[in-house]
Amino acid sequence: MTMNGLPKDRLEVLNLINEWNSTRLDLFKISEPNEVLDFYGVMRFYFQDAEDKVTTKCIRVASTATSLDVIRVLMEKLRPDMKTLPNEKDFCIYEVHPNGGLMRKLKIKISNFFFHFSRRKKIRNG
């Protein structure tokens, strides 16, 4: 690993991906990295509106995607009417554990999106 916690070579990335994939449903498996160590995977997201209605969507996310990139796609996929809102930075993404425990807000400009979720070894569906 490098100083910023990211893998330094293809083998290290591949090992992390294999570890992730070994505990996930096929739908949520991550692709092998390409020559510049980019990879893709499907993640499940939930949107809760003001009336507590929850909508879910699975989208393909690149390892290079920032939280803001993902928010933009989610705005389009979950709520097309949200495209008319003034600023996507009014939204954020939280990592929420199913047991109701720890909740963590992801920083808006952080890339390498999948590494935010590397600690979620027990969750099998996205």
N, C-alpha and C. Protein backbone atom coordinates (compact mmCIF):
# COMPACT_ATOMS: atom_id res chain seq x y z
N MET A 1 0.84 -1.19 0.00
CA MET A 1 0.00 0.00 0.00
C MET A 1 0.88 1.25 0.00
N THR A 2 0.35 2.30 -0.62
CA THR A 2 1.04 3.58 -0.61
C THR A 2 0.70 4.35 0.66
N MET A 3 1.29 5.52 0.83
CA MET A 3 1.04 6.34 2.02
C MET A 3 -0.43 6.73 2.17
N ASN A 4 -1.14 6.90 1.04
CA ASN A 4 -2.55 7.29 1.12
C ASN A 4 -3.49 6.10 1.23
N GLY A 5 -2.95 4.90 1.43
CA GLY A 5 -3.77 3.71 1.64
C GLY A 5 -4.23 3.02 0.38
N LEU A 6 -3.78 3.47 -0.78
CA LEU A 6 -4.18 2.86 -2.04
C LEU A 6 -3.15 1.82 -2.48
N PRO A 7 -3.58 0.79 -3.19
CA PRO A 7 -2.65 -0.24 -3.65
C PRO A 7 -1.62 0.34 -4.61
N LYS A 8 -0.42 -0.24 -4.59
CA LYS A 8 0.65 0.31 -5.42
C LYS A 8 0.89 -0.45 -6.71
N ASP A 9 0.38 -1.68 -6.83
CA ASP A 9 0.60 -2.42 -8.07
C ASP A 9 -0.60 -3.30 -8.40
N ARG A 10 -0.56 -3.87 -9.62
CA ARG A 10 -1.69 -4.66 -10.12
C ARG A 10 -1.98 -5.87 -9.23
N LEU A 11 -0.96 -6.53 -8.76
CA LEU A 11 -1.15 -7.71 -7.91
C LEU A 11 -1.88 -7.34 -6.62
N GLU A 12 -1.50 -6.24 -6.03
CA GLU A 12 -2.15 -5.80 -4.79
C GLU A 12 -3.62 -5.44 -5.04
N VAL A 13 -3.89 -4.76 -6.17
CA VAL A 13 -5.27 -4.43 -6.53
C VAL A 13 -6.05 -5.72 -6.77
N LEU A 14 -5.46 -6.65 -7.50
CA LEU A 14 -6.12 -7.91 -7.79
C LEU A 14 -6.43 -8.69 -6.52
N ASN A 15 -5.51 -8.70 -5.56
CA ASN A 15 -5.76 -9.38 -4.28
C ASN A 15 -6.93 -8.75 -3.53
N LEU A 16 -7.00 -7.42 -3.50
CA LEU A 16 -8.12 -6.73 -2.85
C LEU A 16 -9.44 -7.06 -3.54
N ILE A 17 -9.42 -7.06 -4.87
CA ILE A 17 -10.63 -7.37 -5.63
C ILE A 17 -11.07 -8.81 -5.38
N ASN A 18 -10.12 -9.75 -5.38
CA ASN A 18 -10.46 -11.15 -5.13
C ASN A 18 -11.04 -11.34 -3.73
N GLU A 19 -10.49 -10.62 -2.76
CA GLU A 19 -11.02 -10.69 -1.40
C GLU A 19 -12.46 -10.16 -1.36
N TRP A 20 -12.68 -9.03 -2.02
CA TRP A 20 -14.03 -8.44 -2.10
C TRP A 20 -14.99 -9.42 -2.78
N ASN A 21 -14.58 -9.94 -3.95
CA ASN A 21 -15.44 -10.82 -4.73
C ASN A 21 -15.77 -12.12 -4.01
N SER A 22 -14.89 -12.59 -3.16
CA SER A 22 -15.13 -13.87 -2.47
C SER A 22 -16.30 -13.79 -1.49
N THR A 23 -16.70 -12.59 -1.12
CA THR A 23 -17.79 -12.44 -0.15
C THR A 23 -19.00 -11.73 -0.74
N ARG A 24 -19.09 -11.64 -2.07
CA ARG A 24 -20.17 -10.91 -2.72
C ARG A 24 -20.97 -11.81 -3.65
N LEU A 25 -22.23 -11.43 -3.86
CA LEU A 25 -23.04 -12.06 -4.88
C LEU A 25 -22.42 -11.73 -6.25
N ASP A 26 -22.65 -12.59 -7.23
CA ASP A 26 -22.06 -12.38 -8.56
C ASP A 26 -22.37 -10.99 -9.13
N LEU A 27 -23.57 -10.50 -8.91
CA LEU A 27 -23.96 -9.19 -9.43
C LEU A 27 -23.02 -8.08 -8.95
N PHE A 28 -22.47 -8.22 -7.75
CA PHE A 28 -21.68 -7.15 -7.15
C PHE A 28 -20.17 -7.39 -7.22
N LYS A 29 -19.76 -8.38 -8.02
CA LYS A 29 -18.33 -8.63 -8.16
C LYS A 29 -17.66 -7.52 -8.97
N ILE A 30 -16.42 -7.25 -8.65
CA ILE A 30 -15.64 -6.20 -9.30
C ILE A 30 -14.80 -6.82 -10.42
N SER A 31 -14.68 -6.10 -11.53
CA SER A 31 -13.88 -6.57 -12.66
C SER A 31 -12.40 -6.54 -12.33
N GLU A 32 -11.62 -7.30 -13.10
CA GLU A 32 -10.16 -7.25 -12.93
C GLU A 32 -9.66 -5.89 -13.40
N PRO A 33 -8.59 -5.40 -12.79
CA PRO A 33 -8.07 -4.08 -13.19
C PRO A 33 -7.42 -4.13 -14.57
N ASN A 34 -7.52 -3.01 -15.29
CA ASN A 34 -6.85 -2.91 -16.58
C ASN A 34 -5.39 -2.49 -16.37
N GLU A 35 -4.70 -2.12 -17.44
CA GLU A 35 -3.27 -1.81 -17.35
C GLU A 35 -2.96 -0.58 -16.50
N VAL A 36 -3.92 0.31 -16.31
CA VAL A 36 -3.69 1.49 -15.45
C VAL A 36 -4.41 1.34 -14.10
N LEU A 37 -4.79 0.10 -13.77
CA LEU A 37 -5.40 -0.29 -12.49
C LEU A 37 -6.81 0.25 -12.29
N ASP A 38 -7.51 0.60 -13.37
CA ASP A 38 -8.92 0.98 -13.27
C ASP A 38 -9.76 -0.29 -13.28
N PHE A 39 -10.85 -0.29 -12.52
CA PHE A 39 -11.77 -1.42 -12.50
C PHE A 39 -13.17 -0.92 -12.23
N TYR A 40 -14.16 -1.81 -12.39
CA TYR A 40 -15.57 -1.43 -12.29
C TYR A 40 -16.32 -2.46 -11.46
N GLY A 41 -17.41 -2.02 -10.87
CA GLY A 41 -18.27 -2.93 -10.15
C GLY A 41 -19.64 -2.32 -9.96
N VAL A 42 -20.59 -3.14 -9.59
CA VAL A 42 -21.96 -2.68 -9.36
C VAL A 42 -22.15 -2.49 -7.87
N MET A 43 -22.77 -1.37 -7.52
CA MET A 43 -23.06 -1.08 -6.12
C MET A 43 -24.53 -0.71 -6.00
N ARG A 44 -25.12 -1.05 -4.85
CA ARG A 44 -26.52 -0.72 -4.58
C ARG A 44 -26.57 0.55 -3.74
N PHE A 45 -27.46 1.46 -4.13
CA PHE A 45 -27.66 2.71 -3.40
C PHE A 45 -29.12 2.86 -3.06
N TYR A 46 -29.39 3.56 -1.96
CA TYR A 46 -30.74 3.84 -1.51
C TYR A 46 -30.93 5.34 -1.41
N PHE A 47 -32.12 5.80 -1.82
CA PHE A 47 -32.48 7.21 -1.69
C PHE A 47 -33.73 7.29 -0.84
N GLN A 48 -33.66 8.09 0.21
CA GLN A 48 -34.83 8.29 1.07
C GLN A 48 -35.29 9.74 0.90
N ASP A 49 -36.56 9.90 0.46
CA ASP A 49 -37.06 11.25 0.23
C ASP A 49 -37.63 11.85 1.52
N ALA A 50 -38.16 13.05 1.41
CA ALA A 50 -38.67 13.78 2.57
C ALA A 50 -39.83 13.07 3.24
N GLU A 51 -40.58 12.25 2.50
CA GLU A 51 -41.71 11.50 3.08
C GLU A 51 -41.30 10.10 3.52
N ASP A 52 -40.00 9.85 3.65
CA ASP A 52 -39.44 8.57 4.09
C ASP A 52 -39.67 7.42 3.10
N LYS A 53 -40.01 7.75 1.87
CA LYS A 53 -40.11 6.74 0.81
C LYS A 53 -38.69 6.39 0.37
N VAL A 54 -38.38 5.10 0.29
CA VAL A 54 -37.04 4.65 -0.07
C VAL A 54 -37.06 4.03 -1.46
N THR A 55 -36.12 4.47 -2.28
CA THR A 55 -35.93 3.93 -3.63
C THR A 55 -34.52 3.36 -3.69
N THR A 56 -34.37 2.25 -4.41
CA THR A 56 -33.04 1.64 -4.53
C THR A 56 -32.66 1.53 -6.01
N LYS A 57 -31.36 1.57 -6.25
CA LYS A 57 -30.86 1.45 -7.62
C LYS A 57 -29.45 0.87 -7.56
N CYS A 58 -29.17 -0.06 -8.45
CA CYS A 58 -27.82 -0.59 -8.61
C CYS A 58 -27.20 0.09 -9.82
N ILE A 59 -25.99 0.60 -9.65
CA ILE A 59 -25.30 1.24 -10.77
C ILE A 59 -23.87 0.73 -10.85
N ARG A 60 -23.32 0.82 -12.05
CA ARG A 60 -21.93 0.44 -12.29
C ARG A 60 -21.05 1.64 -11.94
N VAL A 61 -20.07 1.41 -11.08
CA VAL A 61 -19.21 2.48 -10.60
C VAL A 61 -17.76 2.15 -10.94
N ALA A 62 -17.03 3.16 -11.42
CA ALA A 62 -15.61 3.02 -11.74
C ALA A 62 -14.78 3.28 -10.48
N SER A 63 -13.63 2.65 -10.41
CA SER A 63 -12.73 2.86 -9.27
C SER A 63 -12.25 4.30 -9.20
N THR A 64 -12.29 5.00 -10.31
CA THR A 64 -11.83 6.39 -10.36
C THR A 64 -12.94 7.39 -10.04
N ALA A 65 -14.16 6.91 -9.86
CA ALA A 65 -15.30 7.80 -9.60
C ALA A 65 -15.18 8.46 -8.24
N THR A 66 -15.52 9.74 -8.18
CA THR A 66 -15.60 10.44 -6.90
C THR A 66 -17.02 10.29 -6.37
N SER A 67 -17.20 10.64 -5.12
CA SER A 67 -18.55 10.64 -4.56
C SER A 67 -19.46 11.55 -5.37
N LEU A 68 -18.95 12.69 -5.81
CA LEU A 68 -19.75 13.63 -6.61
C LEU A 68 -20.15 13.01 -7.95
N ASP A 69 -19.25 12.26 -8.58
CA ASP A 69 -19.59 11.56 -9.83
C ASP A 69 -20.76 10.61 -9.61
N VAL A 70 -20.71 9.88 -8.50
CA VAL A 70 -21.77 8.91 -8.19
C VAL A 70 -23.08 9.64 -7.89
N ILE A 71 -23.02 10.75 -7.16
CA ILE A 71 -24.23 11.52 -6.86
C ILE A 71 -24.89 11.98 -8.16
N ARG A 72 -24.12 12.44 -9.11
CA ARG A 72 -24.68 12.89 -10.39
C ARG A 72 -25.43 11.77 -11.11
N VAL A 73 -24.83 10.58 -11.14
CA VAL A 73 -25.49 9.44 -11.78
C VAL A 73 -26.75 9.06 -11.01
N LEU A 74 -26.66 9.04 -9.69
CA LEU A 74 -27.83 8.68 -8.88
C LEU A 74 -28.97 9.67 -9.05
N MET A 75 -28.64 10.94 -9.17
CA MET A 75 -29.69 11.95 -9.38
C MET A 75 -30.44 11.67 -10.68
N GLU A 76 -29.70 11.27 -11.70
CA GLU A 76 -30.32 10.97 -12.99
C GLU A 76 -31.13 9.68 -12.93
N LYS A 77 -30.60 8.65 -12.29
CA LYS A 77 -31.24 7.33 -12.28
C LYS A 77 -32.40 7.23 -11.29
N LEU A 78 -32.22 7.77 -10.08
CA LEU A 78 -33.24 7.63 -9.05
C LEU A 78 -34.37 8.64 -9.19
N ARG A 79 -34.00 9.85 -9.48
CA ARG A 79 -34.99 10.93 -9.52
C ARG A 79 -34.68 11.88 -10.67
N PRO A 80 -35.15 11.59 -11.88
CA PRO A 80 -34.85 12.46 -13.01
C PRO A 80 -35.29 13.91 -12.77
N ASP A 81 -36.33 14.10 -11.97
CA ASP A 81 -36.80 15.45 -11.68
C ASP A 81 -35.80 16.24 -10.84
N MET A 82 -34.83 15.55 -10.22
CA MET A 82 -33.83 16.23 -9.40
C MET A 82 -32.79 16.96 -10.25
N LYS A 83 -32.74 16.68 -11.55
CA LYS A 83 -31.76 17.36 -12.41
C LYS A 83 -32.00 18.86 -12.46
N THR A 84 -33.21 19.30 -12.15
CA THR A 84 -33.51 20.73 -12.20
C THR A 84 -33.12 21.44 -10.90
N LEU A 85 -32.68 20.71 -9.90
CA LEU A 85 -32.26 21.33 -8.65
C LEU A 85 -30.96 22.09 -8.87
N PRO A 86 -30.71 23.12 -8.09
CA PRO A 86 -29.58 24.01 -8.35
C PRO A 86 -28.19 23.39 -8.18
N ASN A 87 -28.01 22.48 -7.25
CA ASN A 87 -26.63 22.07 -6.96
C ASN A 87 -26.58 20.64 -6.44
N GLU A 88 -25.87 19.77 -7.18
CA GLU A 88 -25.74 18.37 -6.73
C GLU A 88 -24.91 18.28 -5.45
N LYS A 89 -24.15 19.32 -5.13
CA LYS A 89 -23.35 19.30 -3.90
C LYS A 89 -24.22 19.42 -2.65
N ASP A 90 -25.54 19.65 -2.84
CA ASP A 90 -26.47 19.67 -1.71
C ASP A 90 -26.75 18.25 -1.22
N PHE A 91 -26.30 17.24 -1.98
CA PHE A 91 -26.53 15.84 -1.63
C PHE A 91 -25.22 15.21 -1.17
N CYS A 92 -25.33 14.11 -0.46
CA CYS A 92 -24.14 13.40 -0.01
C CYS A 92 -24.43 11.91 0.03
N ILE A 93 -23.37 11.13 0.17
CA ILE A 93 -23.47 9.68 0.25
C ILE A 93 -22.99 9.25 1.62
N TYR A 94 -23.77 8.37 2.24
CA TYR A 94 -23.40 7.80 3.53
C TYR A 94 -23.20 6.31 3.38
N GLU A 95 -22.21 5.79 4.06
CA GLU A 95 -22.03 4.35 4.19
C GLU A 95 -22.81 3.97 5.44
N VAL A 96 -23.83 3.12 5.26
CA VAL A 96 -24.68 2.72 6.38
C VAL A 96 -24.62 1.22 6.51
N HIS A 97 -24.40 0.74 7.72
CA HIS A 97 -24.34 -0.70 7.96
C HIS A 97 -25.73 -1.23 8.28
N PRO A 98 -26.08 -2.41 7.79
CA PRO A 98 -27.44 -2.93 7.91
C PRO A 98 -27.88 -3.20 9.35
N ASN A 99 -26.94 -3.36 10.27
CA ASN A 99 -27.33 -3.63 11.65
C ASN A 99 -27.69 -2.36 12.41
N GLY A 100 -27.73 -1.22 11.70
CA GLY A 100 -28.08 0.04 12.33
C GLY A 100 -26.93 0.69 13.07
N GLY A 101 -25.75 0.16 12.91
CA GLY A 101 -24.59 0.69 13.63
C GLY A 101 -23.99 1.89 12.96
N LEU A 102 -22.71 1.87 12.78
CA LEU A 102 -21.92 2.97 12.27
C LEU A 102 -22.45 3.52 10.95
N MET A 103 -22.51 4.85 10.84
CA MET A 103 -22.86 5.53 9.61
C MET A 103 -21.76 6.55 9.34
N ARG A 104 -21.27 6.58 8.10
CA ARG A 104 -20.15 7.46 7.78
C ARG A 104 -20.44 8.22 6.49
N LYS A 105 -20.28 9.54 6.52
CA LYS A 105 -20.47 10.38 5.34
C LYS A 105 -19.18 10.35 4.52
N LEU A 106 -19.31 10.08 3.21
CA LEU A 106 -18.15 10.04 2.34
C LEU A 106 -17.85 11.44 1.82
N LYS A 107 -16.58 11.78 1.76
CA LYS A 107 -16.18 13.09 1.26
C LYS A 107 -16.51 13.21 -0.21
N ILE A 108 -16.93 14.39 -0.62
CA ILE A 108 -17.46 14.63 -1.95
C ILE A 108 -16.43 14.48 -3.07
N LYS A 109 -15.18 14.82 -2.83
CA LYS A 109 -14.17 14.82 -3.90
C LYS A 109 -13.23 13.64 -3.85
N ILE A 110 -13.47 12.70 -2.97
CA ILE A 110 -12.59 11.54 -2.85
C ILE A 110 -12.82 10.61 -4.03
N SER A 111 -11.73 10.18 -4.67
CA SER A 111 -11.85 9.20 -5.75
C SER A 111 -11.51 7.82 -5.21
N ASN A 112 -11.36 6.86 -6.10
CA ASN A 112 -11.14 5.47 -5.72
C ASN A 112 -12.24 5.02 -4.77
N PHE A 113 -13.45 5.19 -5.27
CA PHE A 113 -14.68 4.99 -4.51
C PHE A 113 -14.76 3.64 -3.82
N PHE A 114 -14.30 2.59 -4.47
CA PHE A 114 -14.45 1.25 -3.89
C PHE A 114 -13.64 1.06 -2.62
N PHE A 115 -12.56 1.78 -2.46
CA PHE A 115 -11.74 1.58 -1.28
C PHE A 115 -12.39 2.12 -0.01
N HIS A 116 -13.42 2.95 -0.16
CA HIS A 116 -14.19 3.39 1.00
C HIS A 116 -14.93 2.21 1.63
N PHE A 117 -15.19 1.20 0.82
CA PHE A 117 -16.02 0.09 1.27
C PHE A 117 -15.21 -1.17 1.57
N SER A 118 -13.91 -1.05 1.61
CA SER A 118 -13.06 -2.23 1.79
C SER A 118 -13.24 -2.88 3.15
N ARG A 119 -13.78 -2.15 4.11
CA ARG A 119 -13.98 -2.72 5.45
C ARG A 119 -15.29 -3.46 5.59
N ARG A 120 -16.10 -3.48 4.56
CA ARG A 120 -17.43 -4.09 4.65
C ARG A 120 -17.38 -5.55 4.23
N LYS A 121 -16.63 -6.37 4.91
CA LYS A 121 -16.41 -7.75 4.50
C LYS A 121 -17.64 -8.65 4.67
N LYS A 122 -18.53 -8.33 5.61
CA LYS A 122 -19.65 -9.21 5.92
C LYS A 122 -20.89 -8.93 5.09
N ILE A 123 -20.93 -7.81 4.38
CA ILE A 123 -22.11 -7.46 3.60
C ILE A 123 -22.00 -8.13 2.24
N ARG A 124 -23.00 -8.90 1.88
CA ARG A 124 -22.90 -9.71 0.67
C ARG A 124 -23.67 -9.14 -0.52
N ASN A 125 -24.50 -8.13 -0.34
CA ASN A 125 -25.32 -7.69 -1.47
C ASN A 125 -25.10 -6.22 -1.79
N GLY A 126 -23.89 -5.85 -2.15
CA GLY A 126 -23.63 -4.50 -2.60
C GLY A 126 -23.07 -3.67 -1.54
